[in-house]
N, C-alpha and C. Protein backbone atom coordinates (compact mmCIF):
# COMPACT_ATOMS: atom_id res chain seq x y z
N MET A 1 -51.00 -141.18 108.20
CA MET A 1 -50.33 -140.94 106.92
C MET A 1 -51.24 -141.41 105.79
N HIS A 2 -51.08 -140.80 104.66
CA HIS A 2 -51.86 -141.17 103.48
C HIS A 2 -50.96 -141.96 102.56
N GLU A 3 -50.69 -143.18 102.96
CA GLU A 3 -49.73 -144.01 102.25
C GLU A 3 -50.42 -144.98 101.31
N MET A 4 -49.62 -145.62 100.47
CA MET A 4 -50.10 -146.66 99.56
C MET A 4 -49.50 -148.00 99.96
N ASP A 5 -49.55 -148.38 101.23
CA ASP A 5 -48.80 -149.57 101.61
C ASP A 5 -49.65 -150.73 102.12
N GLU A 6 -50.94 -150.73 101.82
CA GLU A 6 -51.73 -151.89 102.21
C GLU A 6 -51.23 -153.09 101.41
N GLU A 7 -51.22 -154.25 102.05
CA GLU A 7 -50.75 -155.44 101.35
C GLU A 7 -51.81 -155.90 100.36
N PRO A 8 -51.45 -156.01 99.09
CA PRO A 8 -52.39 -156.45 98.06
C PRO A 8 -52.76 -157.93 98.22
N ASP A 9 -53.78 -158.36 97.49
CA ASP A 9 -54.17 -159.77 97.52
C ASP A 9 -54.51 -160.24 96.11
N GLY A 10 -54.77 -161.52 95.97
CA GLY A 10 -55.29 -162.08 94.72
C GLY A 10 -54.39 -161.95 93.51
N ASN A 11 -54.62 -160.94 92.70
CA ASN A 11 -53.98 -160.77 91.40
C ASN A 11 -52.62 -160.08 91.50
N PHE A 12 -51.93 -160.22 92.63
CA PHE A 12 -50.68 -159.51 92.85
C PHE A 12 -49.50 -160.45 93.03
N VAL A 13 -48.33 -159.97 92.64
CA VAL A 13 -47.08 -160.71 92.83
C VAL A 13 -46.02 -159.72 93.32
N LYS A 14 -44.95 -160.29 93.86
CA LYS A 14 -43.79 -159.47 94.23
C LYS A 14 -42.73 -159.66 93.15
N ILE A 15 -42.11 -158.53 92.77
CA ILE A 15 -41.02 -158.57 91.78
C ILE A 15 -39.77 -158.00 92.45
N VAL A 16 -38.66 -158.69 92.26
CA VAL A 16 -37.39 -158.26 92.82
C VAL A 16 -36.63 -157.42 91.79
N PHE A 17 -36.14 -156.27 92.24
CA PHE A 17 -35.37 -155.36 91.41
C PHE A 17 -33.95 -155.32 91.96
N GLN A 18 -32.98 -155.64 91.11
CA GLN A 18 -31.57 -155.62 91.49
C GLN A 18 -30.92 -154.49 90.72
N PHE A 19 -30.20 -153.61 91.44
CA PHE A 19 -29.63 -152.45 90.77
C PHE A 19 -28.45 -151.90 91.58
N TYR A 20 -27.65 -151.08 90.92
CA TYR A 20 -26.55 -150.40 91.59
C TYR A 20 -27.04 -149.01 91.97
N SER A 21 -26.88 -148.65 93.23
CA SER A 21 -27.29 -147.32 93.71
C SER A 21 -26.09 -146.38 93.71
N GLU A 22 -26.20 -145.30 92.92
CA GLU A 22 -25.17 -144.26 92.92
C GLU A 22 -25.13 -143.59 94.29
N LEU A 23 -26.29 -143.37 94.89
CA LEU A 23 -26.39 -142.70 96.19
C LEU A 23 -25.68 -143.49 97.28
N PHE A 24 -25.95 -144.80 97.35
CA PHE A 24 -25.37 -145.63 98.40
C PHE A 24 -24.05 -146.29 97.96
N GLU A 25 -23.73 -146.13 96.66
CA GLU A 25 -22.51 -146.70 96.08
C GLU A 25 -22.39 -148.19 96.36
N GLN A 26 -23.49 -148.90 96.12
CA GLN A 26 -23.49 -150.36 96.33
C GLN A 26 -24.63 -150.99 95.54
N ASP A 27 -24.51 -152.31 95.33
CA ASP A 27 -25.59 -153.07 94.72
C ASP A 27 -26.72 -153.16 95.74
N MET A 28 -27.95 -153.02 95.26
CA MET A 28 -29.10 -153.06 96.15
C MET A 28 -30.20 -153.94 95.56
N VAL A 29 -31.13 -154.32 96.41
CA VAL A 29 -32.29 -155.10 96.02
C VAL A 29 -33.52 -154.47 96.66
N GLU A 30 -34.57 -154.32 95.86
CA GLU A 30 -35.85 -153.84 96.39
C GLU A 30 -36.95 -154.71 95.80
N THR A 31 -37.95 -155.02 96.60
CA THR A 31 -39.08 -155.81 96.14
C THR A 31 -40.31 -154.92 96.06
N LEU A 32 -41.01 -154.98 94.91
CA LEU A 32 -42.21 -154.17 94.71
C LEU A 32 -43.39 -155.06 94.37
N TRP A 33 -44.58 -154.64 94.79
CA TRP A 33 -45.81 -155.32 94.41
C TRP A 33 -46.19 -154.94 92.99
N ALA A 34 -46.79 -155.87 92.27
CA ALA A 34 -47.26 -155.62 90.91
C ALA A 34 -48.52 -156.44 90.66
N THR A 35 -49.37 -155.91 89.78
CA THR A 35 -50.55 -156.68 89.36
C THR A 35 -50.15 -157.48 88.13
N ILE A 36 -50.78 -158.63 87.99
CA ILE A 36 -50.51 -159.51 86.86
C ILE A 36 -51.31 -159.02 85.65
N ILE A 37 -50.61 -158.77 84.55
CA ILE A 37 -51.28 -158.42 83.30
C ILE A 37 -51.32 -159.64 82.40
N ASP A 38 -50.15 -160.28 82.23
CA ASP A 38 -50.04 -161.46 81.37
C ASP A 38 -48.91 -162.33 81.92
N VAL A 39 -49.27 -163.25 82.81
CA VAL A 39 -48.26 -164.06 83.50
C VAL A 39 -47.44 -164.92 82.54
N GLU A 40 -48.06 -165.43 81.48
CA GLU A 40 -47.33 -166.28 80.53
C GLU A 40 -46.22 -165.53 79.81
N ASN A 41 -46.44 -164.24 79.57
CA ASN A 41 -45.45 -163.42 78.88
C ASN A 41 -44.65 -162.53 79.84
N GLY A 42 -44.87 -162.70 81.14
CA GLY A 42 -44.08 -161.98 82.14
C GLY A 42 -44.37 -160.49 82.22
N VAL A 43 -45.64 -160.10 81.98
CA VAL A 43 -46.00 -158.68 81.96
C VAL A 43 -46.77 -158.32 83.23
N TYR A 44 -46.28 -157.27 83.92
CA TYR A 44 -46.85 -156.86 85.20
C TYR A 44 -46.90 -155.34 85.28
N LYS A 45 -47.83 -154.83 86.12
CA LYS A 45 -47.93 -153.39 86.34
C LYS A 45 -47.58 -153.09 87.79
N LEU A 46 -46.61 -152.20 88.01
CA LEU A 46 -46.18 -151.87 89.37
C LEU A 46 -47.32 -151.25 90.17
N ASP A 47 -47.43 -151.69 91.42
CA ASP A 47 -48.54 -151.25 92.26
C ASP A 47 -48.12 -150.33 93.41
N ASN A 48 -46.82 -150.21 93.67
CA ASN A 48 -46.44 -149.28 94.72
C ASN A 48 -45.27 -148.41 94.29
N ILE A 49 -44.96 -147.40 95.09
CA ILE A 49 -43.93 -146.43 94.78
C ILE A 49 -42.56 -147.00 95.13
N PRO A 50 -41.63 -147.01 94.18
CA PRO A 50 -40.29 -147.49 94.49
C PRO A 50 -39.60 -146.60 95.53
N PHE A 51 -39.07 -147.23 96.59
CA PHE A 51 -38.34 -146.48 97.61
C PHE A 51 -36.96 -146.07 97.12
N TYR A 52 -36.31 -146.95 96.40
CA TYR A 52 -34.93 -146.72 96.00
C TYR A 52 -34.66 -146.95 94.51
N VAL A 53 -35.41 -147.85 93.89
CA VAL A 53 -35.16 -148.18 92.49
C VAL A 53 -35.28 -146.93 91.62
N PRO A 54 -34.24 -146.61 90.84
CA PRO A 54 -34.31 -145.43 89.97
C PRO A 54 -35.07 -145.72 88.67
N LEU A 55 -35.55 -144.67 88.06
CA LEU A 55 -36.15 -144.70 86.72
C LEU A 55 -37.42 -145.55 86.63
N LEU A 56 -38.13 -145.71 87.75
CA LEU A 56 -39.39 -146.44 87.75
C LEU A 56 -40.42 -145.67 88.57
N ALA A 57 -41.69 -145.84 88.19
CA ALA A 57 -42.80 -145.21 88.91
C ALA A 57 -43.94 -146.20 89.03
N SER A 58 -44.84 -145.95 89.96
CA SER A 58 -46.00 -146.82 90.09
C SER A 58 -46.80 -146.79 88.79
N GLU A 59 -47.40 -147.92 88.48
CA GLU A 59 -48.20 -148.15 87.28
C GLU A 59 -47.38 -148.33 86.01
N ASP A 60 -46.03 -148.29 86.11
CA ASP A 60 -45.22 -148.64 84.95
C ASP A 60 -45.47 -150.12 84.65
N VAL A 61 -45.45 -150.48 83.38
CA VAL A 61 -45.61 -151.88 82.97
C VAL A 61 -44.21 -152.44 82.73
N VAL A 62 -43.94 -153.58 83.38
CA VAL A 62 -42.59 -154.16 83.31
C VAL A 62 -42.64 -155.62 82.86
N TYR A 63 -41.47 -156.07 82.42
CA TYR A 63 -41.28 -157.48 82.09
C TYR A 63 -40.41 -158.09 83.17
N ALA A 64 -40.86 -159.23 83.72
CA ALA A 64 -40.09 -159.94 84.75
C ALA A 64 -40.10 -161.43 84.44
N GLU A 65 -38.99 -162.09 84.78
CA GLU A 65 -38.86 -163.53 84.57
C GLU A 65 -38.70 -164.23 85.91
N PHE A 66 -39.22 -165.46 85.98
CA PHE A 66 -39.02 -166.25 87.19
C PHE A 66 -37.61 -166.81 87.18
N ASP A 67 -36.89 -166.58 88.26
CA ASP A 67 -35.52 -167.06 88.39
C ASP A 67 -35.53 -168.28 89.31
N GLU A 68 -35.16 -169.44 88.77
CA GLU A 68 -35.17 -170.68 89.54
C GLU A 68 -34.21 -170.63 90.73
N ASN A 69 -33.04 -170.04 90.52
CA ASN A 69 -32.04 -169.97 91.60
C ASN A 69 -32.51 -169.08 92.75
N GLU A 70 -33.13 -167.95 92.40
CA GLU A 70 -33.59 -167.00 93.42
C GLU A 70 -35.00 -167.36 93.92
N ASN A 71 -35.71 -168.19 93.16
CA ASN A 71 -37.08 -168.59 93.47
C ASN A 71 -38.02 -167.39 93.58
N CYS A 72 -37.88 -166.46 92.61
CA CYS A 72 -38.74 -165.27 92.61
C CYS A 72 -38.74 -164.65 91.21
N LEU A 73 -39.64 -163.70 91.02
CA LEU A 73 -39.69 -162.93 89.78
C LEU A 73 -38.61 -161.85 89.83
N ILE A 74 -37.83 -161.74 88.75
CA ILE A 74 -36.77 -160.74 88.66
C ILE A 74 -37.11 -159.77 87.53
N TYR A 75 -37.06 -158.48 87.83
CA TYR A 75 -37.29 -157.42 86.84
C TYR A 75 -36.23 -157.51 85.75
N ARG A 76 -36.68 -157.41 84.49
CA ARG A 76 -35.74 -157.42 83.36
C ARG A 76 -35.75 -156.10 82.60
N LYS A 77 -36.96 -155.53 82.35
CA LYS A 77 -37.01 -154.25 81.63
C LYS A 77 -38.38 -153.60 81.79
N THR A 78 -38.42 -152.31 81.51
CA THR A 78 -39.67 -151.57 81.53
C THR A 78 -40.25 -151.59 80.12
N LEU A 79 -41.52 -151.94 80.02
CA LEU A 79 -42.19 -152.01 78.73
C LEU A 79 -42.95 -150.73 78.40
N GLU A 80 -43.53 -150.10 79.43
CA GLU A 80 -44.37 -148.92 79.20
C GLU A 80 -44.32 -148.01 80.43
N ASP A 81 -43.96 -146.74 80.19
CA ASP A 81 -43.97 -145.76 81.28
C ASP A 81 -45.40 -145.33 81.57
N SER A 82 -45.71 -145.17 82.85
CA SER A 82 -47.07 -144.80 83.26
C SER A 82 -47.36 -143.33 83.07
N GLY A 83 -46.31 -142.51 83.06
CA GLY A 83 -46.51 -141.06 83.04
C GLY A 83 -46.43 -140.47 84.44
N ASN A 84 -46.42 -141.34 85.47
CA ASN A 84 -46.25 -140.87 86.84
C ASN A 84 -44.76 -140.61 87.07
N SER A 85 -44.47 -139.79 88.07
CA SER A 85 -43.08 -139.52 88.44
C SER A 85 -42.84 -139.97 89.88
N THR A 86 -41.59 -140.33 90.19
CA THR A 86 -41.19 -140.72 91.54
C THR A 86 -40.15 -139.73 92.04
N ILE A 87 -40.41 -139.17 93.22
CA ILE A 87 -39.50 -138.25 93.86
C ILE A 87 -39.07 -138.86 95.19
N HIS A 88 -37.77 -138.90 95.45
CA HIS A 88 -37.25 -139.40 96.73
C HIS A 88 -36.85 -138.20 97.58
N VAL A 89 -37.35 -138.18 98.82
CA VAL A 89 -37.17 -137.01 99.69
C VAL A 89 -36.53 -137.43 101.01
N VAL A 90 -35.49 -136.70 101.38
CA VAL A 90 -34.85 -136.92 102.68
C VAL A 90 -35.04 -135.65 103.51
N MET A 91 -35.43 -135.84 104.76
CA MET A 91 -35.61 -134.71 105.68
C MET A 91 -34.25 -134.28 106.20
N LEU A 92 -33.95 -132.97 106.13
CA LEU A 92 -32.68 -132.45 106.60
C LEU A 92 -32.83 -131.67 107.90
N ASP A 93 -34.02 -131.10 108.13
CA ASP A 93 -34.29 -130.32 109.34
C ASP A 93 -35.04 -131.19 110.33
N GLU A 94 -34.36 -131.64 111.38
CA GLU A 94 -34.99 -132.55 112.34
C GLU A 94 -36.07 -131.88 113.17
N ASN A 95 -36.20 -130.55 113.08
CA ASN A 95 -37.26 -129.83 113.79
C ASN A 95 -38.58 -129.82 113.03
N VAL A 96 -38.55 -130.28 111.78
CA VAL A 96 -39.76 -130.33 110.97
C VAL A 96 -40.25 -131.77 110.92
N ASP A 97 -41.52 -131.99 111.23
CA ASP A 97 -42.11 -133.32 111.23
C ASP A 97 -42.34 -133.79 109.79
N ILE A 98 -41.89 -134.98 109.49
CA ILE A 98 -42.04 -135.56 108.15
C ILE A 98 -43.51 -135.61 107.73
N ASN A 99 -44.41 -135.86 108.68
CA ASN A 99 -45.84 -135.94 108.35
C ASN A 99 -46.38 -134.61 107.84
N THR A 100 -45.85 -133.51 108.34
CA THR A 100 -46.26 -132.19 107.88
C THR A 100 -45.92 -132.01 106.41
N ILE A 101 -44.73 -132.43 106.03
CA ILE A 101 -44.29 -132.32 104.64
C ILE A 101 -45.09 -133.28 103.75
N CYS A 102 -45.24 -134.51 104.21
CA CYS A 102 -46.00 -135.50 103.43
C CYS A 102 -47.44 -135.04 103.22
N ASP A 103 -48.07 -134.54 104.28
CA ASP A 103 -49.45 -134.08 104.17
C ASP A 103 -49.58 -132.90 103.21
N GLU A 104 -48.59 -132.03 103.20
CA GLU A 104 -48.61 -130.89 102.29
C GLU A 104 -48.63 -131.37 100.83
N PHE A 105 -47.79 -132.35 100.52
CA PHE A 105 -47.78 -132.87 99.15
C PHE A 105 -49.02 -133.71 98.85
N PHE A 106 -49.54 -134.38 99.87
CA PHE A 106 -50.79 -135.13 99.68
C PHE A 106 -51.92 -134.17 99.31
N ASP A 107 -51.93 -133.00 99.93
CA ASP A 107 -52.93 -131.97 99.60
C ASP A 107 -52.76 -131.46 98.17
N MET A 108 -51.57 -131.67 97.60
CA MET A 108 -51.29 -131.30 96.20
C MET A 108 -51.50 -132.50 95.28
N GLU A 109 -52.18 -133.54 95.80
CA GLU A 109 -52.58 -134.74 95.06
C GLU A 109 -51.44 -135.73 94.79
N CYS A 110 -50.39 -135.67 95.60
CA CYS A 110 -49.30 -136.64 95.49
C CYS A 110 -49.47 -137.71 96.56
N LEU A 111 -49.14 -138.94 96.22
CA LEU A 111 -49.17 -140.05 97.18
C LEU A 111 -47.76 -140.29 97.67
N TYR A 112 -47.62 -140.95 98.80
CA TYR A 112 -46.29 -141.21 99.32
C TYR A 112 -46.26 -142.47 100.16
N GLU A 113 -45.07 -142.98 100.32
CA GLU A 113 -44.81 -144.11 101.21
C GLU A 113 -43.58 -143.76 102.02
N GLY A 114 -43.70 -143.85 103.33
CA GLY A 114 -42.59 -143.52 104.20
C GLY A 114 -41.71 -144.72 104.47
N VAL A 115 -40.41 -144.48 104.52
CA VAL A 115 -39.46 -145.52 104.87
C VAL A 115 -39.17 -145.43 106.36
N ASN A 116 -38.91 -144.20 106.82
CA ASN A 116 -38.65 -143.95 108.23
C ASN A 116 -38.97 -142.48 108.51
N GLU A 117 -38.55 -141.95 109.63
CA GLU A 117 -38.88 -140.57 110.00
C GLU A 117 -38.10 -139.52 109.24
N SER A 118 -37.18 -139.96 108.38
CA SER A 118 -36.39 -138.96 107.64
C SER A 118 -36.34 -139.20 106.14
N TYR A 119 -37.13 -140.16 105.62
CA TYR A 119 -37.07 -140.45 104.19
C TYR A 119 -38.40 -140.97 103.70
N PHE A 120 -38.86 -140.45 102.54
CA PHE A 120 -40.06 -140.99 101.93
C PHE A 120 -39.97 -140.92 100.41
N ALA A 121 -40.75 -141.77 99.77
CA ALA A 121 -40.86 -141.78 98.31
C ALA A 121 -42.23 -141.22 97.96
N MET A 122 -42.26 -140.34 96.97
CA MET A 122 -43.50 -139.67 96.61
C MET A 122 -43.82 -139.91 95.13
N GLU A 123 -45.10 -140.14 94.87
CA GLU A 123 -45.56 -140.26 93.49
C GLU A 123 -46.26 -138.98 93.08
N VAL A 124 -45.86 -138.45 91.94
CA VAL A 124 -46.57 -137.34 91.32
C VAL A 124 -47.37 -137.97 90.17
N PRO A 125 -48.70 -138.10 90.35
CA PRO A 125 -49.51 -138.73 89.31
C PRO A 125 -49.44 -137.95 87.99
N LYS A 126 -49.63 -138.66 86.90
CA LYS A 126 -49.57 -138.03 85.57
C LYS A 126 -50.64 -136.95 85.40
N THR A 127 -51.70 -137.02 86.21
CA THR A 127 -52.79 -136.04 86.13
C THR A 127 -52.48 -134.74 86.85
N VAL A 128 -51.35 -134.69 87.58
CA VAL A 128 -50.99 -133.51 88.36
C VAL A 128 -49.93 -132.71 87.63
N ASN A 129 -50.11 -131.39 87.55
CA ASN A 129 -49.11 -130.53 86.95
C ASN A 129 -47.91 -130.45 87.90
N TYR A 130 -46.74 -130.74 87.38
CA TYR A 130 -45.54 -130.84 88.21
C TYR A 130 -44.96 -129.47 88.59
N VAL A 131 -45.33 -128.42 87.91
CA VAL A 131 -44.72 -127.11 88.13
C VAL A 131 -44.83 -126.66 89.59
N ALA A 132 -46.02 -126.73 90.18
CA ALA A 132 -46.20 -126.30 91.58
C ALA A 132 -45.48 -127.23 92.55
N ILE A 133 -45.46 -128.52 92.24
CA ILE A 133 -44.78 -129.51 93.08
C ILE A 133 -43.28 -129.19 93.10
N LYS A 134 -42.72 -128.99 91.92
CA LYS A 134 -41.28 -128.70 91.78
C LYS A 134 -40.94 -127.40 92.51
N ALA A 135 -41.79 -126.38 92.38
CA ALA A 135 -41.54 -125.10 93.05
C ALA A 135 -41.49 -125.28 94.57
N ARG A 136 -42.41 -126.09 95.11
CA ARG A 136 -42.43 -126.31 96.55
C ARG A 136 -41.23 -127.16 96.99
N LEU A 137 -40.87 -128.17 96.22
CA LEU A 137 -39.68 -128.97 96.53
C LEU A 137 -38.44 -128.08 96.57
N ASP A 138 -38.29 -127.21 95.56
CA ASP A 138 -37.14 -126.31 95.49
C ASP A 138 -37.12 -125.36 96.68
N GLN A 139 -38.30 -124.84 97.04
CA GLN A 139 -38.40 -123.92 98.18
C GLN A 139 -37.97 -124.61 99.48
N LEU A 140 -38.48 -125.83 99.70
CA LEU A 140 -38.13 -126.58 100.90
C LEU A 140 -36.64 -126.94 100.92
N GLU A 141 -36.09 -127.22 99.74
CA GLU A 141 -34.66 -127.54 99.66
C GLU A 141 -33.82 -126.30 99.95
N THR A 142 -34.19 -125.16 99.39
CA THR A 142 -33.48 -123.90 99.63
C THR A 142 -33.51 -123.53 101.11
N GLN A 143 -34.61 -123.83 101.78
CA GLN A 143 -34.74 -123.54 103.22
C GLN A 143 -33.94 -124.52 104.08
N GLY A 144 -33.43 -125.58 103.47
CA GLY A 144 -32.68 -126.58 104.22
C GLY A 144 -33.57 -127.59 104.94
N THR A 145 -34.86 -127.63 104.57
CA THR A 145 -35.80 -128.55 105.21
C THR A 145 -35.65 -129.97 104.64
N ILE A 146 -35.47 -130.06 103.33
CA ILE A 146 -35.37 -131.36 102.66
C ILE A 146 -34.25 -131.35 101.62
N GLY A 147 -33.90 -132.55 101.19
CA GLY A 147 -33.13 -132.76 99.98
C GLY A 147 -33.97 -133.70 99.15
N TYR A 148 -33.91 -133.60 97.84
CA TYR A 148 -34.74 -134.51 97.03
C TYR A 148 -34.06 -134.85 95.72
N SER A 149 -34.51 -135.97 95.14
CA SER A 149 -34.06 -136.33 93.80
C SER A 149 -35.26 -136.76 92.97
N GLU A 150 -35.23 -136.37 91.73
CA GLU A 150 -36.27 -136.76 90.77
C GLU A 150 -35.83 -138.12 90.22
N SER A 151 -36.11 -139.15 90.97
CA SER A 151 -35.66 -140.49 90.65
C SER A 151 -36.22 -140.99 89.32
N CYS A 152 -37.46 -140.60 89.04
CA CYS A 152 -38.10 -140.96 87.77
C CYS A 152 -39.01 -139.82 87.38
N LEU A 153 -38.51 -138.93 86.55
CA LEU A 153 -39.31 -137.80 86.09
C LEU A 153 -39.90 -138.16 84.72
N SER A 154 -41.22 -138.25 84.66
CA SER A 154 -41.87 -138.64 83.41
C SER A 154 -41.66 -137.59 82.34
N GLU A 155 -41.78 -138.00 81.10
CA GLU A 155 -41.64 -137.09 79.97
C GLU A 155 -42.67 -135.97 80.08
N LEU A 156 -43.88 -136.31 80.48
CA LEU A 156 -44.95 -135.32 80.63
C LEU A 156 -44.56 -134.26 81.66
N HIS A 157 -44.09 -134.68 82.83
CA HIS A 157 -43.71 -133.73 83.87
C HIS A 157 -42.47 -132.92 83.47
N PHE A 158 -41.55 -133.56 82.78
CA PHE A 158 -40.36 -132.87 82.29
C PHE A 158 -40.76 -131.74 81.33
N GLU A 159 -41.68 -132.04 80.43
CA GLU A 159 -42.15 -131.04 79.45
C GLU A 159 -42.88 -129.89 80.11
N GLN A 160 -43.56 -130.15 81.23
CA GLN A 160 -44.27 -129.08 81.94
C GLN A 160 -43.31 -128.04 82.50
N LEU A 161 -42.08 -128.43 82.75
CA LEU A 161 -41.08 -127.52 83.30
C LEU A 161 -40.39 -126.66 82.23
N ALA A 162 -40.55 -127.06 80.98
CA ALA A 162 -39.85 -126.37 79.88
C ALA A 162 -40.42 -124.98 79.61
């Protein structure tokens, strides 16, 4: 797989994201890696693709505070959107290998991180035109191969569809 899941070192921290998931209808927690931009002011840049957190993408700049009770950094707000988009994809056709779908989008310059054999999170970089990606996602969804959600569609990618 062409994933982004190597464990970072040195200038990296983990940030905890607490949110309510409409999909799962429950409060959830996800931890993401981030690079330190300004530790004194709590500024960090996300380093991996959110699996579940909505409205965030890799390379977004966020503000996080250290929580004494939780003993970790807690996300408070997004300071700057990266321009990347996050798409969450669930496999619906068990006869289709998830790696085939992931590799197809990788060939279209998208990165991904797999959760399991039926779900992955995909990054559409800001440098990639979203029109062809969206067309292929729609085609696969119409065929019943996948279901997907545009968890974080950047303004740039949104405008490309207009």
